[in-house]
Amino acid sequence: MPSTQHEIKGRIDWARVFEFNRDRAQFHQETDGMYKVTVSTDEKTMKELQKAGLGKKFKETDHGWSVTLSRPHKGQHEWQGGMPIVADITGKAWNPEEKGLIGNGSEGIVKFELYDGKNGKGSRLLGLQVLEHVVYESEGGPSQPRSMFTDHSQGSGSTTSSQQEEPDSIPF
């Protein structure tokens, strides 16, 4: 099965490229999840990739033309699945424990391959290299401790307070 490798340099969004943060939506149950990344590029690059056979839909956004590339955690064949390669600007493996997750707006290079499939050309995410890192920060929510509590580690002494609530009010 002949394949060709391609790359897109641009803005990275929604990087779910680590085993622990892969997309595990119910419709990915058969593959035990998917690794995905959205990358934005210019119109010229988009047209070149379409001409090369990339059949994925591009969407025009404020950042150019965006496309989402993916690969399964478990593919039909061993070569199809598994975590993509993720590298930092030096080309060394990305360590999410040291550097954090890859946040929206990071800049990088996304590598993928096009291959001949049963129904035409298929594509598979190979990896990405982060050139400019934007740290992912959770938007929080009621289940996040920082959204409910504040840092009191620098305070002196103990204080107590009570909050009076209306009988039928919701405390958050």
Protein backbone atom coordinates (compact mmCIF):
# COMPACT_ATOMS: atom_id res chain seq x y z
CA MET A 1 0.00 0.00 0.00
CA PRO A 2 1.87 3.12 -1.20
CA SER A 3 1.67 6.18 1.01
CA THR A 4 3.01 9.71 0.97
CA GLN A 5 3.94 11.84 3.95
CA HIS A 6 2.89 15.46 4.25
CA GLU A 7 3.11 18.21 6.84
CA ILE A 8 1.17 21.31 7.73
CA LYS A 9 2.79 24.17 9.60
CA GLY A 10 0.34 26.35 11.49
CA ARG A 11 -1.81 26.97 14.52
CA ILE A 12 -2.62 23.91 16.62
CA ASP A 13 -5.95 23.54 18.42
CA TRP A 14 -7.68 20.76 20.33
CA ALA A 15 -4.57 18.56 20.58
CA ARG A 16 -5.67 15.22 22.00
CA VAL A 17 -2.45 13.42 21.24
CA PHE A 18 -1.53 11.63 24.47
CA GLU A 19 -2.82 8.27 25.62
CA PHE A 20 -4.44 9.78 28.73
CA ASN A 21 -6.29 12.58 26.87
CA ARG A 22 -7.32 10.82 23.66
CA ASP A 23 -10.91 11.22 22.51
CA ARG A 24 -12.90 8.38 24.05
CA ALA A 25 -16.34 9.35 22.75
CA GLN A 26 -18.75 6.45 22.49
CA PHE A 27 -18.49 6.34 18.69
CA HIS A 28 -14.73 5.61 19.09
CA GLN A 29 -15.43 2.57 21.27
CA GLU A 30 -14.35 0.11 18.55
CA THR A 31 -10.87 1.70 18.37
CA ASP A 32 -10.59 2.42 22.13
CA GLY A 33 -10.33 6.13 21.35
CA MET A 34 -8.84 8.46 18.77
CA TYR A 35 -5.88 10.81 18.76
CA LYS A 36 -6.79 14.11 17.11
CA VAL A 37 -5.40 17.54 16.37
CA THR A 38 -6.81 20.48 14.45
CA VAL A 39 -4.33 22.55 12.47
CA SER A 40 -4.93 25.82 10.62
CA THR A 41 -3.06 26.83 7.50
CA ASP A 42 -3.32 29.24 4.58
CA GLU A 43 -5.51 28.81 1.50
CA LYS A 44 -2.58 27.89 -0.79
CA THR A 45 -1.50 25.00 1.46
CA MET A 46 -5.12 23.84 1.81
CA LYS A 47 -5.52 23.65 -1.98
CA GLU A 48 -2.20 21.80 -2.37
CA LEU A 49 -3.27 19.21 0.21
CA GLN A 50 -6.65 18.73 -1.45
CA LYS A 51 -4.90 18.27 -4.80
CA ALA A 52 -2.61 15.65 -3.19
CA GLY A 53 -5.73 13.71 -2.14
CA LEU A 54 -6.51 14.82 1.41
CA GLY A 55 -10.26 14.29 1.50
CA LYS A 56 -10.83 15.78 4.96
CA LYS A 57 -13.10 18.82 5.14
CA PHE A 58 -11.38 22.14 5.64
CA LYS A 59 -13.27 24.83 7.51
CA GLU A 60 -12.57 28.54 7.12
CA THR A 61 -11.86 30.14 10.51
CA ASP A 62 -10.35 33.34 11.90
CA HIS A 63 -6.97 31.57 11.72
CA GLY A 64 -7.13 30.39 8.09
CA TRP A 65 -8.27 27.00 6.87
CA SER A 66 -8.59 24.34 9.59
CA VAL A 67 -8.57 20.58 9.27
CA THR A 68 -8.66 17.85 11.90
CA LEU A 69 -6.35 14.88 11.47
CA SER A 70 -6.61 11.72 13.53
CA ARG A 71 -5.52 8.16 14.12
CA PRO A 72 -7.10 5.36 16.16
CA HIS A 73 -5.69 4.07 19.42
CA LYS A 74 -6.25 0.53 18.11
CA GLY A 75 -6.36 0.15 14.36
CA GLN A 76 -7.50 -2.72 12.20
CA HIS A 77 -3.79 -3.35 11.56
CA GLU A 78 -1.03 -2.78 14.13
CA TRP A 79 0.63 -0.02 12.05
CA GLN A 80 -2.58 2.06 12.04
CA GLY A 81 -2.95 2.67 15.76
CA GLY A 82 -1.13 3.95 18.80
CA MET A 83 -0.15 7.34 20.08
CA PRO A 84 1.34 9.72 17.49
CA ILE A 85 4.86 11.06 17.96
CA VAL A 86 4.85 14.39 19.80
CA ALA A 87 8.04 16.47 19.89
CA ASP A 88 9.18 19.82 21.25
CA ILE A 89 10.97 22.50 19.24
CA THR A 90 14.30 20.63 19.56
CA GLY A 91 12.80 17.41 18.17
CA LYS A 92 12.89 15.62 21.53
CA ALA A 93 9.88 13.72 22.86
CA TRP A 94 7.26 15.91 24.52
CA ASN A 95 6.85 15.24 28.23
CA PRO A 96 3.39 16.45 29.31
CA GLU A 97 4.29 16.12 33.00
CA GLU A 98 7.11 18.66 32.57
CA LYS A 99 5.73 20.90 29.83
CA GLY A 100 1.99 20.53 30.30
CA LEU A 101 -0.64 19.81 27.70
CA ILE A 102 -0.63 21.55 24.32
CA GLY A 103 -3.06 24.44 24.44
CA ASN A 104 -5.08 26.07 21.68
CA GLY A 105 -3.06 28.63 19.77
CA SER A 106 0.21 26.74 19.96
CA GLU A 107 2.22 26.82 16.73
CA GLY A 108 3.67 23.68 15.22
CA ILE A 109 4.09 21.20 12.42
CA VAL A 110 1.58 18.37 11.99
CA LYS A 111 2.77 15.35 10.00
CA PHE A 112 0.39 12.89 8.40
CA GLU A 113 0.30 10.33 5.64
CA LEU A 114 -2.03 9.77 2.72
CA TYR A 115 -2.56 6.17 1.67
CA ASP A 116 -4.67 4.27 -0.82
CA GLY A 117 -7.67 2.77 0.92
CA LYS A 118 -10.64 0.70 -0.17
CA ASN A 119 -12.73 3.81 -0.78
CA GLY A 120 -10.06 6.16 -2.12
CA LYS A 121 -7.35 8.04 -0.24
CA GLY A 122 -7.17 7.73 3.52
CA SER A 123 -5.21 9.88 5.94
CA ARG A 124 -3.52 9.13 9.25
CA LEU A 125 -1.94 11.46 11.78
CA LEU A 126 1.72 10.59 12.31
CA GLY A 127 2.82 13.21 14.81
CA LEU A 128 3.34 16.83 15.65
CA GLN A 129 6.17 19.11 16.67
CA VAL A 130 5.41 22.08 18.91
CA LEU A 131 7.33 25.19 17.84
CA GLU A 132 5.63 27.74 20.10
CA HIS A 133 3.86 26.31 23.14
CA VAL A 134 0.72 27.75 24.66
CA VAL A 135 0.04 25.97 27.94
CA TYR A 136 -3.38 24.35 28.15
CA GLU A 137 -5.41 25.70 31.03
CA SER A 138 -8.67 24.14 32.07
CA GLU A 139 -11.67 26.41 32.08
CA GLY A 140 -12.50 24.94 35.46
CA GLY A 141 -16.05 24.41 36.49
CA PRO A 142 -17.75 23.34 39.68
CA SER A 143 -15.73 20.12 39.87
CA GLN A 144 -12.42 22.00 39.85
CA PRO A 145 -11.09 22.89 43.36
CA ARG A 146 -9.72 26.29 42.25
CA SER A 147 -13.17 27.39 41.09
CA MET A 148 -14.61 26.89 44.56
CA PHE A 149 -11.69 27.63 46.89
CA THR A 150 -8.95 30.24 47.02
CA ASP A 151 -5.30 29.92 48.05
CA HIS A 152 -4.97 30.64 51.77
CA SER A 153 -1.46 29.21 52.18
CA GLN A 154 0.09 32.66 52.75
CA GLY A 155 -2.48 33.76 55.33
CA SER A 156 -1.67 34.26 59.00
CA GLY A 157 -3.93 32.78 61.57
CA SER A 158 -7.24 31.04 61.28
CA THR A 159 -10.46 32.73 60.33
CA THR A 160 -13.94 31.40 59.99
CA SER A 161 -16.86 32.71 58.06
CA SER A 162 -20.31 31.55 57.29
CA GLN A 163 -22.38 32.30 54.27
CA GLN A 164 -26.08 32.75 54.71
CA GLU A 165 -28.09 31.28 51.84
CA GLU A 166 -31.70 31.58 50.91
CA PRO A 167 -33.53 28.34 51.83
CA ASP A 168 -34.10 27.26 48.22
CA SER A 169 -30.93 28.71 46.69
CA ILE A 170 -28.22 26.74 44.99
CA PRO A 171 -24.81 27.40 46.62
CA PHE A 172 -22.88 27.68 43.34
